[in-house]
Amino acid sequence: MNFLIERVIELSFGLISAAVLAGVTVLQRYLSSKIKNDKLRSYIDEASLVVKANVMAAVQTSVEPTKAAAADGKLTKEEANRIKQSVMDGVKKQLPNDAVRIFAKANVDYESLLNSLVEKEVLEAKWAAQIKEIGK
């Protein structure tokens, strides 16, 4: 009888150990994915701030002077593309090198993300300029 109880206890310890190990493994995977998601979210937020700063700077240093110099007060398509490319290049230089790797691991298209953020900020800048004109 004692032998049977000892075997049950040994098997129980083995099962409990396996369950604890499985639980720790699941917890480790969860925490690892949480950290990666938090890091990804952090880089997206950082990219958004960097894009906003670069677009605002481009509006002041490139867009407004170029528009003022133009006969019709507008940017040509080529000028707009050149300024946009300049903003994209500036953003890429300012973001951490690790950001590209984190975006790639999360299957986020880095170029498309930056392009979308730039387009959003450009639209907001245009709306702000229109509201400013209406207020004059």
C-alpha atoms as a PDB file:
ATOM      1  CA  MET A   1       0.000   0.000   0.000  1.00  0.00           C
ATOM      2  CA  ASN A   2       2.839   2.410   0.875  1.00  0.00           C
ATOM      3  CA  PHE A   3       4.452   1.667  -2.465  1.00  0.00           C
ATOM      4  CA  LEU A   4       1.250   2.658  -4.258  1.00  0.00           C
ATOM      5  CA  ILE A   5       0.972   5.923  -2.308  1.00  0.00           C
ATOM      6  CA  GLU A   6       4.628   6.741  -3.029  1.00  0.00           C
ATOM      7  CA  ARG A   7       4.098   6.167  -6.774  1.00  0.00           C
ATOM      8  CA  VAL A   8       0.950   8.371  -6.783  1.00  0.00           C
ATOM      9  CA  ILE A   9       2.867  11.125  -4.994  1.00  0.00           C
ATOM     10  CA  GLU A  10       5.798  10.825  -7.453  1.00  0.00           C
ATOM     11  CA  LEU A  11       3.426  11.005 -10.427  1.00  0.00           C
ATOM     12  CA  SER A  12       1.574  13.934  -8.854  1.00  0.00           C
ATOM     13  CA  PHE A  13       4.809  15.880  -8.433  1.00  0.00           C
ATOM     14  CA  GLY A  14       5.670  15.160 -12.047  1.00  0.00           C
ATOM     15  CA  LEU A  15       2.275  16.353 -13.259  1.00  0.00           C
ATOM     16  CA  ILE A  16       2.373  19.443 -11.049  1.00  0.00           C
ATOM     17  CA  SER A  17       5.894  20.249 -12.273  1.00  0.00           C
ATOM     18  CA  ALA A  18       4.786  19.843 -15.890  1.00  0.00           C
ATOM     19  CA  ALA A  19       1.751  22.072 -15.298  1.00  0.00           C
ATOM     20  CA  VAL A  20       3.869  24.763 -13.622  1.00  0.00           C
ATOM     21  CA  LEU A  21       6.405  24.603 -16.451  1.00  0.00           C
ATOM     22  CA  ALA A  22       3.637  24.885 -19.051  1.00  0.00           C
ATOM     23  CA  GLY A  23       2.128  27.834 -17.154  1.00  0.00           C
ATOM     24  CA  VAL A  24       5.487  29.612 -16.959  1.00  0.00           C
ATOM     25  CA  THR A  25       6.043  29.015 -20.683  1.00  0.00           C
ATOM     26  CA  VAL A  26       2.631  30.472 -21.551  1.00  0.00           C
ATOM     27  CA  LEU A  27       3.259  33.445 -19.255  1.00  0.00           C
ATOM     28  CA  GLN A  28       6.695  34.013 -20.811  1.00  0.00           C
ATOM     29  CA  ARG A  29       5.216  34.009 -24.329  1.00  0.00           C
ATOM     30  CA  TYR A  30       2.450  36.380 -23.269  1.00  0.00           C
ATOM     31  CA  LEU A  31       4.869  38.798 -21.625  1.00  0.00           C
ATOM     32  CA  SER A  32       7.205  38.614 -24.615  1.00  0.00           C
ATOM     33  CA  SER A  33       4.398  39.458 -27.053  1.00  0.00           C
ATOM     34  CA  LYS A  34       3.173  42.226 -24.730  1.00  0.00           C
ATOM     35  CA  ILE A  35       6.634  43.775 -24.644  1.00  0.00           C
ATOM     36  CA  LYS A  36       6.914  43.574 -28.443  1.00  0.00           C
ATOM     37  CA  ASN A  37       3.456  45.132 -28.856  1.00  0.00           C
ATOM     38  CA  ASP A  38       4.296  47.894 -26.398  1.00  0.00           C
ATOM     39  CA  LYS A  39       7.564  48.540 -28.208  1.00  0.00           C
ATOM     40  CA  LEU A  40       5.770  48.583 -31.575  1.00  0.00           C
ATOM     41  CA  ARG A  41       3.148  50.984 -30.230  1.00  0.00           C
ATOM     42  CA  SER A  42       5.919  53.144 -28.804  1.00  0.00           C
ATOM     43  CA  TYR A  43       7.708  53.316 -32.181  1.00  0.00           C
ATOM     44  CA  ILE A  44       4.466  54.138 -34.006  1.00  0.00           C
ATOM     45  CA  ASP A  45       3.801  56.960 -31.528  1.00  0.00           C
ATOM     46  CA  GLU A  46       7.375  58.183 -31.917  1.00  0.00           C
ATOM     47  CA  ALA A  47       7.096  58.046 -35.717  1.00  0.00           C
ATOM     48  CA  SER A  48       3.901  60.075 -35.546  1.00  0.00           C
ATOM     49  CA  LEU A  49       5.575  62.788 -33.455  1.00  0.00           C
ATOM     50  CA  VAL A  50       8.662  62.876 -35.685  1.00  0.00           C
ATOM     51  CA  VAL A  51       6.490  63.116 -38.816  1.00  0.00           C
ATOM     52  CA  LYS A  52       4.447  65.949 -37.302  1.00  0.00           C
ATOM     53  CA  ALA A  53       7.597  67.912 -36.419  1.00  0.00           C
ATOM     54  CA  ASN A  54       9.098  67.367 -39.881  1.00  0.00           C
ATOM     55  CA  VAL A  55       5.905  68.349 -41.717  1.00  0.00           C
ATOM     56  CA  MET A  56       5.539  71.492 -39.610  1.00  0.00           C
ATOM     57  CA  ALA A  57       9.165  72.407 -40.300  1.00  0.00           C
ATOM     58  CA  ALA A  58       8.714  71.755 -44.029  1.00  0.00           C
ATOM     59  CA  VAL A  59       5.605  73.956 -44.127  1.00  0.00           C
ATOM     60  CA  GLN A  60       7.548  76.845 -42.598  1.00  0.00           C
ATOM     61  CA  THR A  61      10.853  76.411 -44.421  1.00  0.00           C
ATOM     62  CA  SER A  62       9.806  75.025 -47.808  1.00  0.00           C
ATOM     63  CA  VAL A  63       6.079  75.116 -48.521  1.00  0.00           C
ATOM     64  CA  GLU A  64       5.281  78.688 -47.505  1.00  0.00           C
ATOM     65  CA  PRO A  65       8.350  80.283 -49.182  1.00  0.00           C
ATOM     66  CA  THR A  66       7.822  78.247 -52.373  1.00  0.00           C
ATOM     67  CA  LYS A  67       4.138  79.190 -52.507  1.00  0.00           C
ATOM     68  CA  ALA A  68       4.965  82.833 -51.883  1.00  0.00           C
ATOM     69  CA  ALA A  69       7.456  82.819 -54.754  1.00  0.00           C
ATOM     70  CA  ALA A  70       5.030  81.155 -57.177  1.00  0.00           C
ATOM     71  CA  ALA A  71       2.964  83.373 -59.472  1.00  0.00           C
ATOM     72  CA  ASP A  72      -0.234  81.475 -58.666  1.00  0.00           C
ATOM     73  CA  GLY A  73       0.656  80.934 -54.973  1.00  0.00           C
ATOM     74  CA  LYS A  74       0.582  77.166 -55.342  1.00  0.00           C
ATOM     75  CA  LEU A  75       3.073  74.322 -55.293  1.00  0.00           C
ATOM     76  CA  THR A  76       3.696  72.366 -58.450  1.00  0.00           C
ATOM     77  CA  LYS A  77       3.340  68.602 -58.257  1.00  0.00           C
ATOM     78  CA  GLU A  78       7.120  68.272 -58.569  1.00  0.00           C
ATOM     79  CA  GLU A  79       7.744  70.725 -55.723  1.00  0.00           C
ATOM     80  CA  ALA A  80       5.223  68.935 -53.501  1.00  0.00           C
ATOM     81  CA  ASN A  81       6.833  65.559 -54.236  1.00  0.00           C
ATOM     82  CA  ARG A  82      10.311  66.931 -53.569  1.00  0.00           C
ATOM     83  CA  ILE A  83       9.233  68.401 -50.219  1.00  0.00           C
ATOM     84  CA  LYS A  84       7.418  65.197 -49.271  1.00  0.00           C
ATOM     85  CA  GLN A  85      10.510  63.128 -50.084  1.00  0.00           C
ATOM     86  CA  SER A  86      12.610  65.506 -48.004  1.00  0.00           C
ATOM     87  CA  VAL A  87      10.224  65.023 -45.069  1.00  0.00           C
ATOM     88  CA  MET A  88      10.309  61.228 -45.473  1.00  0.00           C
ATOM     89  CA  ASP A  89      14.121  61.238 -45.561  1.00  0.00           C
ATOM     90  CA  GLY A  90      14.266  63.424 -42.448  1.00  0.00           C
ATOM     91  CA  VAL A  91      11.867  61.179 -40.570  1.00  0.00           C
ATOM     92  CA  LYS A  92      13.827  58.042 -41.467  1.00  0.00           C
ATOM     93  CA  LYS A  93      17.048  59.633 -40.210  1.00  0.00           C
ATOM     94  CA  GLN A  94      15.440  60.609 -36.905  1.00  0.00           C
ATOM     95  CA  LEU A  95      13.791  57.291 -36.062  1.00  0.00           C
ATOM     96  CA  PRO A  96      15.847  54.680 -34.210  1.00  0.00           C
ATOM     97  CA  ASN A  97      17.402  51.948 -36.369  1.00  0.00           C
ATOM     98  CA  ASP A  98      15.628  49.408 -34.185  1.00  0.00           C
ATOM     99  CA  ALA A  99      12.242  50.750 -35.363  1.00  0.00           C
ATOM    100  CA  VAL A 100      12.612  49.245 -38.835  1.00  0.00           C
ATOM    101  CA  ARG A 101      13.387  45.837 -37.353  1.00  0.00           C
ATOM    102  CA  ILE A 102      10.450  46.011 -34.922  1.00  0.00           C
ATOM    103  CA  PHE A 103       8.060  47.058 -37.726  1.00  0.00           C
ATOM    104  CA  ALA A 104       9.321  44.221 -39.927  1.00  0.00           C
ATOM    105  CA  LYS A 105       8.856  41.647 -37.161  1.00  0.00           C
ATOM    106  CA  ALA A 106       5.266  42.842 -36.704  1.00  0.00           C
ATOM    107  CA  ASN A 107       4.644  42.729 -40.485  1.00  0.00           C
ATOM    108  CA  VAL A 108       4.134  46.496 -40.580  1.00  0.00           C
ATOM    109  CA  ASP A 109       5.034  48.097 -43.905  1.00  0.00           C
ATOM    110  CA  TYR A 110       7.407  50.822 -42.692  1.00  0.00           C
ATOM    111  CA  GLU A 111       7.229  52.904 -45.887  1.00  0.00           C
ATOM    112  CA  SER A 112       3.434  52.773 -46.040  1.00  0.00           C
ATOM    113  CA  LEU A 113       3.142  53.675 -42.372  1.00  0.00           C
ATOM    114  CA  LEU A 114       5.409  56.704 -42.760  1.00  0.00           C
ATOM    115  CA  ASN A 115       3.672  57.713 -45.984  1.00  0.00           C
ATOM    116  CA  SER A 116       0.263  57.545 -44.287  1.00  0.00           C
ATOM    117  CA  LEU A 117       1.489  59.560 -41.317  1.00  0.00           C
ATOM    118  CA  VAL A 118       2.972  62.212 -43.622  1.00  0.00           C
ATOM    119  CA  GLU A 119      -0.255  62.418 -45.673  1.00  0.00           C
ATOM    120  CA  LYS A 120      -2.294  62.808 -42.473  1.00  0.00           C
ATOM    121  CA  GLU A 121      -0.075  65.619 -41.210  1.00  0.00           C
ATOM    122  CA  VAL A 122      -0.097  67.355 -44.607  1.00  0.00           C
ATOM    123  CA  LEU A 123      -3.907  67.285 -44.637  1.00  0.00           C
ATOM    124  CA  GLU A 124      -4.016  68.682 -41.112  1.00  0.00           C
ATOM    125  CA  ALA A 125      -1.590  71.431 -42.124  1.00  0.00           C
ATOM    126  CA  LYS A 126      -3.773  72.266 -45.143  1.00  0.00           C
ATOM    127  CA  TRP A 127      -6.886  72.406 -42.979  1.00  0.00           C
ATOM    128  CA  ALA A 128      -5.118  74.639 -40.465  1.00  0.00           C
ATOM    129  CA  ALA A 129      -4.022  76.964 -43.286  1.00  0.00           C
ATOM    130  CA  GLN A 130      -7.565  77.112 -44.662  1.00  0.00           C
ATOM    131  CA  ILE A 131      -9.004  77.890 -41.243  1.00  0.00           C
ATOM    132  CA  LYS A 132      -6.358  80.588 -40.805  1.00  0.00           C
ATOM    133  CA  GLU A 133      -7.366  82.112 -44.173  1.00  0.00           C
ATOM    134  CA  ILE A 134     -11.040  82.083 -43.238  1.00  0.00           C
ATOM    135  CA  GLY A 135     -10.226  83.873 -40.001  1.00  0.00           C
ATOM    136  CA  LYS A 136      -8.523  86.790 -41.798  1.00  0.00           C
END
